Amino acid sequence: WPGPEAGEPMPPGNLRDACPAFTTPCARITTDGPHGPNVMAAEWAFNGSYRPFLILGAIDPGNRTHDMILESQEFGVNLVAEDQVAAMGFAGHYSKADTDKLSSEAFDTFPAKHIRAPLIRGALLAAECRLVAHYPMGDHTAFVGEVVEFSGVAGKSPVVLHHGSGRLGARIGRTPGVPLRGATRVARAEPA
């Protein structure tokens, strides 16, 4: 995606320029159903709530994973680490209808404790989700899963998309206080 040059305005009404401006995490959604286990690459998977711990994934209804989640009422969410980029690309470029993607050496899976779908070893977060809701959202369906178990690997960097694949910069620290214009006191950051 070349898009406009840095500093140039985006053409009005051009979704091909607007959508890549969002920064999104990369995940692999795992499922299991009548045709066996499957994995797909998903750009739109993110935390929806802390209590209860909910993860939302937006999936195209034409994708086999869509129907597998509806049938099984569960799915795995595996956030992609930098050392898993090749496997992410493989999961995103092939369909379960054509290829048994999880049979590839690119994926090192392990059994989940509470769902049938396998999880992917080495993911930043490997979460087992039970489907609690699903909503049509334009050309996708939003699946909301309550996390019933999770594990992760510390010290790895996430893969994010922002105008193509990219890396985030250094962590932004929380500001202890910000003087407010015309105020006699300082606004304090809320504890996490």
Protein backbone atom coordinates (compact mmCIF):
# COMPACT_ATOMS: atom_id res chain seq x y z
CA TRP A 1 0.00 0.00 0.00
CA PRO A 2 1.76 3.13 -1.12
CA GLY A 3 -0.90 5.66 0.02
CA PRO A 4 -0.20 9.39 0.17
CA GLU A 5 3.33 10.55 0.96
CA ALA A 6 4.07 11.60 4.54
CA GLY A 7 2.47 14.94 5.28
CA GLU A 8 0.12 14.83 2.29
CA PRO A 9 -3.62 14.87 2.95
CA MET A 10 -5.62 11.75 2.19
CA PRO A 11 -8.02 12.02 -0.74
CA PRO A 12 -11.56 12.47 0.62
CA GLY A 13 -13.72 9.34 0.59
CA ASN A 14 -10.96 6.88 -0.31
CA LEU A 15 -11.25 3.83 2.01
CA ARG A 16 -8.05 2.31 0.62
CA ASP A 17 -6.22 5.27 2.14
CA ALA A 18 -8.27 5.66 5.34
CA CYS A 19 -8.42 2.07 6.65
CA PRO A 20 -4.63 1.47 6.81
CA ALA A 21 -4.31 4.57 9.02
CA PHE A 22 -5.60 2.49 11.95
CA THR A 23 -3.05 0.54 13.96
CA THR A 24 -4.25 -3.00 14.58
CA PRO A 25 -2.76 -6.07 16.23
CA CYS A 26 -2.23 -9.28 14.29
CA ALA A 27 -3.75 -12.48 15.61
CA ARG A 28 -4.43 -16.00 14.50
CA ILE A 29 -7.88 -17.34 15.24
CA THR A 30 -8.00 -21.09 15.82
CA THR A 31 -11.11 -23.25 15.58
CA ASP A 32 -12.09 -26.90 15.45
CA GLY A 33 -15.13 -28.39 13.79
CA PRO A 34 -16.42 -31.15 11.53
CA HIS A 35 -13.61 -30.53 9.02
CA GLY A 36 -10.88 -30.54 11.66
CA PRO A 37 -8.84 -27.77 13.25
CA ASN A 38 -8.14 -24.54 11.41
CA VAL A 39 -6.22 -21.28 11.74
CA MET A 40 -6.77 -17.92 10.04
CA ALA A 41 -4.89 -14.64 10.23
CA ALA A 42 -7.00 -11.86 11.72
CA GLU A 43 -6.22 -8.18 11.79
CA TRP A 44 -9.31 -7.18 13.76
CA ALA A 45 -8.98 -8.95 17.11
CA PHE A 46 -8.72 -6.96 20.30
CA ASN A 47 -9.63 -6.72 23.98
CA GLY A 48 -13.21 -5.60 24.52
CA SER A 49 -13.49 -5.76 28.32
CA TYR A 50 -11.34 -6.50 31.35
CA ARG A 51 -14.13 -7.79 33.64
CA PRO A 52 -15.25 -10.10 32.27
CA PHE A 53 -12.21 -10.60 30.03
CA LEU A 54 -13.71 -10.35 26.53
CA ILE A 55 -11.98 -10.48 23.16
CA LEU A 56 -13.69 -9.31 19.98
CA GLY A 57 -12.78 -10.64 16.55
CA ALA A 58 -14.29 -9.37 13.29
CA ILE A 59 -14.49 -12.07 10.61
CA ASP A 60 -15.80 -12.05 7.04
CA PRO A 61 -18.88 -14.33 6.72
CA GLY A 62 -17.30 -15.86 3.60
CA ASN A 63 -14.40 -17.20 5.67
CA ARG A 64 -14.70 -20.83 6.83
CA THR A 65 -13.65 -19.77 10.35
CA HIS A 66 -16.87 -17.73 10.58
CA ASP A 67 -19.08 -20.83 10.32
CA MET A 68 -16.77 -22.92 12.49
CA ILE A 69 -17.12 -20.42 15.36
CA LEU A 70 -20.92 -20.40 15.01
CA GLU A 71 -21.01 -24.22 15.00
CA SER A 72 -18.58 -24.79 17.89
CA GLN A 73 -19.46 -21.68 19.97
CA GLU A 74 -15.75 -21.28 20.81
CA PHE A 75 -12.43 -20.14 19.35
CA GLY A 76 -8.80 -19.45 20.21
CA VAL A 77 -7.08 -16.08 19.85
CA ASN A 78 -3.30 -16.19 19.42
CA LEU A 79 -1.58 -12.78 19.26
CA VAL A 80 1.31 -12.87 16.78
CA ALA A 81 4.88 -12.30 17.97
CA GLU A 82 7.60 -10.99 15.62
CA ASP A 83 9.15 -14.44 15.26
CA GLN A 84 5.81 -15.78 13.93
CA VAL A 85 5.37 -13.48 10.91
CA ALA A 86 5.91 -16.19 8.28
CA ALA A 87 3.26 -18.42 9.85
CA MET A 88 0.88 -15.45 10.03
CA GLY A 89 1.30 -14.85 6.29
CA PHE A 90 0.73 -18.53 5.54
CA ALA A 91 -2.46 -18.56 7.65
CA GLY A 92 -3.70 -15.45 5.85
CA HIS A 93 -3.06 -16.53 2.28
CA TYR A 94 -4.63 -19.99 2.22
CA SER A 95 -8.11 -21.32 2.97
CA LYS A 96 -9.02 -24.36 5.05
CA ALA A 97 -11.02 -25.44 1.99
CA ASP A 98 -7.73 -25.77 0.05
CA THR A 99 -5.06 -26.49 2.66
CA ASP A 100 -4.73 -28.09 6.09
CA LYS A 101 -2.77 -25.12 7.37
CA LEU A 102 -2.14 -26.52 10.85
CA SER A 103 -0.37 -29.54 9.35
CA SER A 104 2.43 -27.16 8.30
CA GLU A 105 5.66 -27.09 10.28
CA ALA A 106 5.08 -23.31 10.55
CA PHE A 107 2.67 -23.96 13.44
CA ASP A 108 3.58 -25.47 16.78
CA THR A 109 0.21 -26.06 18.43
CA PHE A 110 -0.76 -27.32 21.85
CA PRO A 111 -4.11 -28.53 23.21
CA ALA A 112 -6.33 -26.03 24.97
CA LYS A 113 -7.71 -26.87 28.42
CA HIS A 114 -11.34 -25.80 27.94
CA ILE A 115 -12.04 -25.62 24.20
CA ARG A 116 -11.49 -28.04 21.31
CA ALA A 117 -9.53 -25.60 19.15
CA PRO A 118 -5.75 -25.87 19.44
CA LEU A 119 -3.62 -22.91 20.53
CA ILE A 120 -0.32 -21.74 19.04
CA ARG A 121 2.83 -22.05 21.10
CA GLY A 122 4.97 -18.91 21.35
CA ALA A 123 2.08 -16.45 20.87
CA LEU A 124 2.19 -13.26 22.94
CA LEU A 125 -1.22 -14.31 24.23
CA ALA A 126 -3.01 -17.60 23.61
CA ALA A 127 -6.60 -17.25 24.81
CA GLU A 128 -9.39 -19.81 24.95
CA CYS A 129 -12.72 -18.11 24.25
CA ARG A 130 -16.32 -19.21 24.60
CA LEU A 131 -18.64 -17.33 22.25
CA VAL A 132 -20.98 -15.04 24.23
CA ALA A 133 -22.34 -12.88 21.40
CA HIS A 134 -22.04 -12.16 17.70
CA TYR A 135 -23.21 -9.13 15.76
CA PRO A 136 -23.35 -8.32 12.04
CA MET A 137 -21.13 -5.29 11.38
CA GLY A 138 -21.31 -4.26 7.75
CA ASP A 139 -19.30 -6.76 5.72
CA HIS A 140 -18.01 -8.64 8.81
CA THR A 141 -19.41 -10.33 11.91
CA ALA A 142 -18.12 -9.31 15.34
CA PHE A 143 -17.60 -12.37 17.53
CA VAL A 144 -17.32 -11.67 21.25
CA GLY A 145 -15.58 -14.37 23.25
CA GLU A 146 -15.24 -14.62 27.00
CA VAL A 147 -11.73 -15.75 27.88
CA VAL A 148 -11.90 -18.91 30.01
CA GLU A 149 -8.14 -19.59 30.05
CA PHE A 150 -5.03 -17.86 28.72
CA SER A 151 -1.27 -18.08 28.67
CA GLY A 152 1.43 -16.00 27.08
CA VAL A 153 5.12 -15.45 26.50
CA ALA A 154 6.79 -12.40 28.04
CA GLY A 155 9.55 -10.45 26.34
CA LYS A 156 8.40 -10.80 22.74
CA SER A 157 7.32 -7.92 20.51
CA PRO A 158 3.88 -7.84 18.87
CA VAL A 159 3.20 -7.59 15.16
CA VAL A 160 0.95 -4.68 14.28
CA LEU A 161 -0.35 -3.30 11.03
CA HIS A 162 -0.22 0.42 10.32
CA HIS A 163 0.06 1.35 6.65
CA GLY A 164 1.37 -2.19 6.16
CA SER A 165 3.33 -4.26 8.65
CA GLY A 166 5.13 -2.24 11.24
CA ARG A 167 6.61 -1.91 14.66
CA LEU A 168 5.56 0.32 17.47
CA GLY A 169 8.01 2.70 19.11
CA ALA A 170 9.09 2.84 22.72
CA ARG A 171 6.48 2.53 25.45
CA ILE A 172 4.84 5.83 26.33
CA GLY A 173 5.02 6.42 30.07
CA ARG A 174 2.05 7.60 32.07
CA THR A 175 2.21 11.31 32.86
CA PRO A 176 2.09 11.83 36.63
CA GLY A 177 0.42 15.23 36.36
CA VAL A 178 -0.56 17.77 33.72
CA PRO A 179 -1.05 21.44 34.53
CA LEU A 180 -4.42 22.64 33.24
CA ARG A 181 -4.63 26.04 31.64
CA GLY A 182 -6.29 28.49 34.01
CA ALA A 183 -6.61 25.87 36.78
CA THR A 184 -5.22 26.17 40.26
CA ARG A 185 -4.55 22.44 40.57
CA VAL A 186 -2.89 19.68 38.53
CA ALA A 187 -4.85 16.89 36.85
CA ARG A 188 -3.49 13.50 38.00
CA ALA A 189 -3.50 10.34 35.96
CA GLU A 190 -5.83 7.65 37.30
CA PRO A 191 -4.13 4.46 38.50
CA ALA A 192 -4.34 1.56 36.04
